[in-house]
Amino acid sequence: MLALYADMHNLAGGERDESRDLVDSVFEMLDAEHHGAISPEEFIRSMREQTDPKHQLTDRECYILFREADANNDGLMDKDEFHKLMTKYMHE
């Protein structure tokens, strides 16, 4: 997933329009149950599987990140919330 951050960060100009498609593709991969939202468990699992072990966040850190993204507090991260999270950390 951190590779997604790098890919988005390196996009320039018109390529940034493609970032939405990239984020949507990643979201679809993470939404293992295909119900239009990512559960905390799916998010944490993806962070553990897709991150270099030297840079992995703890489960607690992943959950805090998840809760930050879950703007409507429904316990799930929808596609728009996921996109906002990716965009936020792309610019930091």
Foldseek 3Di string as FASTA:
>chain_A
DVVLLVVCLPDDDPCNVCNLVVLVVVQCVLPVVPPQWHALVSQLVCQVVVDDPVPGDDSVVSVVLVCVLPVVPPRTHGSVSSVVSSVVSSVD
